[in-house]
Amino acid sequence: MPYQLGEGTRRAATRWLTHLRRADIPRLRTMFSHHPAYADLTPAQYAEALDWLKKTGMVSPDGQPAVHLTDSVPGPLGRGLRHVLWEPASEERNRQTGDEGERSLIALLRLSGAKQVVRVSAVSDAYGYDIDAISREGRSLHVEVKATTNPTCLVVHLTHHESDVMRADQDWIMGSVLVSASGSALSVATVSRTWLCSVLPADLSPAARWESVRLTVPGHALTPGLVADDARLIIPAVEPASRYVWGMTDPAPSHAGLA
């Protein structure tokens, strides 16, 4: 089964996840097939997307979505308004998703044997990361958490300050968390620091400085689980199939680091 979704199939998957909270699969299949607003995608793309969602555990056999999609999703026919306006409800949902992502990753770190796990983001943004911890092997960990409810595509925002910390701090790791409808972690992956450094913008003039950048992370820049720079596995991939969300295809690193 291909886990790399094409753009059309990815859009179809987001529509399934968006509407399954209000209607069942047969009703949505009819709507997607006959309503002109959804005719930009083919029935085959909708079918492939639903098959992928079921096989990765994002939709249960009885048609219940495992996530409550809160990320920005384009509307039918690409006419959805770009999310340039601040909306209190959307801001609150994103804040809740971020909070659940950090809490679930803290729980997984403690299960892995990590010590002195502290949520420093609750103290200040000045740290440039969210979680401070010591791994079971004694390694210092500074984890920046990016949480999302969208399994089809990983989009993260990085501030200039966070990028400065990343470049200077070898203990800095970016961990992405797929948050379930119940607030737990459905998937955890590490974003490649090398890839981040290769795509971040540069300040070309002393008179101009970027403050935040939106990045769409490709599957090849992700490693299942939370992995330190020395390739030591800190948190294993969440099984069984959710390691294949966000276009991930690489196998998880060895569990030797947890022995």
Protein backbone atom coordinates (compact mmCIF):
# COMPACT_ATOMS: atom_id res chain seq x y z
CA MET A 1 0.00 0.00 0.00
CA PRO A 2 1.48 3.39 -0.92
CA TYR A 3 1.79 5.70 2.09
CA GLN A 4 2.91 8.69 0.03
CA LEU A 5 -0.31 10.52 -0.74
CA GLY A 6 -0.69 12.64 -3.83
CA GLU A 7 -1.94 16.18 -3.34
CA GLY A 8 -5.47 15.30 -4.47
CA THR A 9 -5.71 12.28 -2.21
CA ARG A 10 -4.35 14.29 0.69
CA ARG A 11 -7.05 16.89 0.18
CA ALA A 12 -9.65 14.13 -0.01
CA ALA A 13 -8.39 12.71 3.30
CA THR A 14 -8.72 16.07 5.04
CA ARG A 15 -12.31 16.33 3.80
CA TRP A 16 -13.14 12.89 5.17
CA LEU A 17 -11.69 13.82 8.56
CA THR A 18 -13.48 17.16 8.55
CA HIS A 19 -16.94 15.82 7.72
CA LEU A 20 -16.90 12.43 9.47
CA ARG A 21 -17.64 14.18 12.74
CA ARG A 22 -21.07 15.11 11.39
CA ALA A 23 -22.03 12.40 8.88
CA ASP A 24 -21.35 8.73 8.19
CA ILE A 25 -19.30 7.24 5.35
CA PRO A 26 -22.17 6.32 2.96
CA ARG A 27 -23.65 9.81 3.21
CA LEU A 28 -20.30 11.49 2.64
CA ARG A 29 -19.46 9.16 -0.25
CA THR A 30 -22.69 10.29 -1.94
CA MET A 31 -21.96 13.94 -1.22
CA PHE A 32 -18.41 13.73 -2.57
CA SER A 33 -19.64 11.93 -5.70
CA HIS A 34 -22.59 14.15 -6.60
CA HIS A 35 -22.20 17.60 -5.05
CA PRO A 36 -20.55 19.95 -7.56
CA ALA A 37 -18.56 21.65 -4.80
CA TYR A 38 -16.52 18.46 -4.34
CA ALA A 39 -16.20 17.52 -8.01
CA ASP A 40 -12.61 18.82 -8.22
CA LEU A 41 -11.50 15.42 -6.90
CA THR A 42 -12.36 12.03 -8.39
CA PRO A 43 -14.26 9.20 -6.68
CA ALA A 44 -11.04 7.18 -6.92
CA GLN A 45 -9.16 9.83 -4.92
CA TYR A 46 -11.86 9.85 -2.24
CA ALA A 47 -11.79 6.04 -2.12
CA GLU A 48 -7.98 5.92 -1.91
CA ALA A 49 -8.01 8.53 0.85
CA LEU A 50 -10.56 6.62 2.93
CA ASP A 51 -8.59 3.40 2.46
CA TRP A 52 -5.41 5.14 3.68
CA LEU A 53 -7.20 6.64 6.69
CA LYS A 54 -8.52 3.22 7.72
CA LYS A 55 -5.22 1.40 7.25
CA THR A 56 -3.28 4.00 9.24
CA GLY A 57 -5.86 3.94 12.04
CA MET A 58 -7.00 7.50 11.44
CA VAL A 59 -10.57 6.25 10.85
CA SER A 60 -11.99 3.32 12.79
CA PRO A 61 -13.75 0.40 11.04
CA ASP A 62 -17.11 1.92 12.05
CA GLY A 63 -16.17 5.28 10.49
CA GLN A 64 -15.14 7.32 13.51
CA PRO A 65 -12.19 9.71 13.02
CA ALA A 66 -9.26 9.29 15.43
CA VAL A 67 -8.49 13.01 15.25
CA HIS A 68 -10.55 16.17 15.45
CA LEU A 69 -9.07 18.13 12.60
CA THR A 70 -8.41 21.68 13.73
CA ASP A 71 -5.62 22.69 11.35
CA SER A 72 -6.31 24.98 8.42
CA VAL A 73 -8.02 23.05 5.64
CA PRO A 74 -8.73 24.42 2.15
CA GLY A 75 -12.40 24.53 1.21
CA PRO A 76 -14.02 22.83 -1.79
CA LEU A 77 -12.69 23.77 -5.22
CA GLY A 78 -9.81 25.55 -3.54
CA ARG A 79 -12.04 28.52 -2.78
CA GLY A 80 -11.56 28.34 0.96
CA LEU A 81 -10.60 31.62 2.53
CA ARG A 82 -6.94 31.83 3.38
CA HIS A 83 -6.54 31.92 7.14
CA VAL A 84 -5.20 35.43 7.38
CA LEU A 85 -7.77 36.68 9.88
CA TRP A 86 -7.33 36.01 13.55
CA GLU A 87 -10.23 34.04 14.98
CA PRO A 88 -10.52 33.55 18.76
CA ALA A 89 -12.09 30.08 18.41
CA SER A 90 -9.39 28.89 16.01
CA GLU A 91 -6.68 30.32 18.24
CA GLU A 92 -8.14 28.49 21.23
CA ARG A 93 -8.28 25.17 19.34
CA ASN A 94 -4.65 25.56 18.25
CA ARG A 95 -3.63 26.43 21.81
CA GLN A 96 -5.43 23.34 23.11
CA THR A 97 -3.78 21.11 20.49
CA GLY A 98 -0.36 22.51 21.40
CA ASP A 99 -1.03 21.97 25.08
CA GLU A 100 -2.13 18.37 24.54
CA GLY A 101 0.88 17.70 22.33
CA GLU A 102 3.31 18.89 24.99
CA ARG A 103 1.56 16.98 27.78
CA SER A 104 1.43 13.74 25.79
CA LEU A 105 5.12 14.00 24.85
CA ILE A 106 6.02 14.62 28.50
CA ALA A 107 4.12 11.45 29.43
CA LEU A 108 6.00 9.46 26.77
CA LEU A 109 9.35 10.86 27.93
CA ARG A 110 8.64 9.75 31.49
CA LEU A 111 7.60 6.30 30.24
CA SER A 112 10.94 6.08 28.40
CA GLY A 113 12.78 6.59 31.70
CA ALA A 114 13.65 10.25 31.24
CA LYS A 115 14.23 12.24 34.44
CA GLN A 116 13.84 15.86 35.50
CA VAL A 117 11.18 16.40 32.85
CA VAL A 118 10.11 20.05 33.03
CA ARG A 119 7.68 21.90 30.82
CA VAL A 120 9.68 25.11 30.50
CA SER A 121 7.22 26.60 27.98
CA ALA A 122 4.89 27.12 30.93
CA VAL A 123 7.53 29.40 32.44
CA SER A 124 8.79 31.43 29.48
CA ASP A 125 9.15 31.44 25.68
CA ALA A 126 12.72 32.64 26.13
CA TYR A 127 14.05 29.07 26.31
CA GLY A 128 13.41 28.48 22.61
CA TYR A 129 12.04 25.01 23.31
CA ASP A 130 9.19 23.51 25.32
CA ILE A 131 10.51 20.60 27.39
CA ASP A 132 13.73 20.19 29.36
CA ALA A 133 14.66 16.64 30.37
CA ILE A 134 17.47 14.18 31.01
CA SER A 135 17.25 10.94 29.04
CA ARG A 136 17.61 7.59 30.76
CA GLU A 137 21.20 7.47 29.52
CA GLY A 138 21.94 10.88 31.06
CA ARG A 139 21.77 12.99 27.89
CA SER A 140 20.36 16.52 28.15
CA LEU A 141 17.25 17.02 25.99
CA HIS A 142 15.72 20.31 24.88
CA VAL A 143 12.57 19.40 22.97
CA GLU A 144 10.62 21.85 20.83
CA VAL A 145 7.14 20.36 20.36
CA LYS A 146 5.00 20.90 17.27
CA ALA A 147 1.53 19.43 17.68
CA THR A 148 -1.12 18.93 15.02
CA THR A 149 -4.36 17.06 14.40
CA ASN A 150 -3.72 16.64 10.67
CA PRO A 151 -2.22 13.23 9.70
CA THR A 152 -1.96 14.02 5.98
CA CYS A 153 0.59 16.84 6.06
CA LEU A 154 2.90 18.26 8.71
CA VAL A 155 3.04 22.05 8.79
CA VAL A 156 5.07 23.76 11.53
CA HIS A 157 5.83 27.34 12.47
CA LEU A 158 9.29 28.25 13.72
CA THR A 159 10.24 31.60 15.22
CA HIS A 160 13.55 33.32 14.60
CA HIS A 161 14.41 32.87 18.26
CA GLU A 162 13.71 29.14 18.10
CA SER A 163 15.95 28.86 15.02
CA ASP A 164 18.74 30.74 16.83
CA VAL A 165 18.49 28.34 19.75
CA MET A 166 18.44 25.34 17.40
CA ARG A 167 21.68 26.43 15.70
CA ALA A 168 23.48 27.07 19.01
CA ASP A 169 22.14 24.22 21.15
CA GLN A 170 23.12 20.66 20.20
CA ASP A 171 20.58 19.28 22.68
CA TRP A 172 17.71 20.94 20.78
CA ILE A 173 15.28 18.51 19.07
CA MET A 174 12.05 19.22 17.20
CA GLY A 175 9.44 16.58 18.01
CA SER A 176 6.13 16.52 16.14
CA VAL A 177 3.06 15.00 17.75
CA LEU A 178 -0.18 13.91 16.10
CA VAL A 179 -2.86 14.57 18.72
CA SER A 180 -5.87 12.24 18.87
CA ALA A 181 -9.46 13.22 19.53
CA SER A 182 -8.90 12.25 23.17
CA GLY A 183 -5.71 14.32 23.48
CA SER A 184 -3.19 11.47 23.41
CA ALA A 185 -0.30 10.99 20.96
CA LEU A 186 -1.16 8.97 17.86
CA SER A 187 2.24 9.50 16.30
CA VAL A 188 5.58 11.04 17.25
CA ALA A 189 8.32 11.95 14.80
CA THR A 190 11.55 13.93 14.78
CA VAL A 191 12.09 16.71 12.25
CA SER A 192 15.59 16.68 10.76
CA ARG A 193 17.75 19.55 12.01
CA THR A 194 19.76 19.37 8.76
CA TRP A 195 16.59 19.82 6.73
CA LEU A 196 15.44 22.72 8.92
CA CYS A 197 18.75 24.53 8.47
CA SER A 198 18.56 24.02 4.70
CA VAL A 199 15.16 25.66 4.27
CA LEU A 200 15.14 28.49 6.80
CA PRO A 201 15.23 31.97 5.28
CA ALA A 202 18.18 34.32 5.76
CA ASP A 203 18.18 37.90 6.93
CA LEU A 204 19.55 39.65 3.86
CA SER A 205 19.69 43.14 5.33
CA PRO A 206 20.25 44.63 8.79
CA ALA A 207 17.02 46.56 8.14
CA ALA A 208 14.89 43.43 7.76
CA ARG A 209 14.49 40.36 9.93
CA TRP A 210 12.06 37.50 9.64
CA GLU A 211 10.25 36.64 12.87
CA SER A 212 8.34 33.45 12.05
CA VAL A 213 8.29 31.00 9.16
CA ARG A 214 5.72 28.41 8.08
CA LEU A 215 7.27 25.14 6.93
CA THR A 216 5.66 22.15 5.23
CA VAL A 217 7.80 19.21 6.33
CA PRO A 218 8.33 16.49 3.71
CA GLY A 219 8.22 12.84 4.72
CA HIS A 220 11.93 12.33 4.05
CA ALA A 221 12.77 14.94 6.72
CA LEU A 222 10.93 12.94 9.40
CA THR A 223 12.06 9.98 11.49
CA PRO A 224 9.49 7.97 13.47
CA GLY A 225 9.87 8.42 17.23
CA LEU A 226 11.94 10.99 19.11
CA VAL A 227 15.58 10.68 18.08
CA ALA A 228 18.61 12.60 19.35
CA ASP A 229 21.31 13.95 17.03
CA ASP A 230 23.51 10.95 17.76
CA ALA A 231 20.71 8.72 16.36
CA ARG A 232 19.87 7.41 19.81
CA LEU A 233 16.19 6.58 20.05
CA ILE A 234 14.53 8.29 23.01
CA ILE A 235 10.85 7.59 22.31
CA PRO A 236 9.93 4.78 19.88
CA ALA A 237 7.45 5.23 17.05
CA VAL A 238 3.81 4.89 17.99
CA GLU A 239 2.56 1.64 16.47
CA PRO A 240 1.24 0.10 14.40
CA ALA A 241 0.62 2.13 11.26
CA SER A 242 0.60 5.71 12.40
CA ARG A 243 4.35 5.96 11.77
CA TYR A 244 3.30 6.39 8.14
CA VAL A 245 1.40 9.64 8.67
CA TRP A 246 2.80 12.87 7.19
CA GLY A 247 4.36 10.89 4.32
CA MET A 248 6.90 9.08 6.50
CA THR A 249 8.38 6.02 4.86
CA ASP A 250 11.66 5.38 6.66
CA PRO A 251 11.72 2.59 9.22
CA ALA A 252 12.05 3.55 12.86
CA PRO A 253 15.57 3.53 14.33
CA SER A 254 16.76 0.62 16.40
CA HIS A 255 15.37 0.28 19.89
CA ALA A 256 18.88 -0.44 21.16
CA GLY A 257 19.00 2.92 22.83
CA LEU A 258 16.21 1.86 25.15
CA ALA A 259 17.83 -1.35 26.25
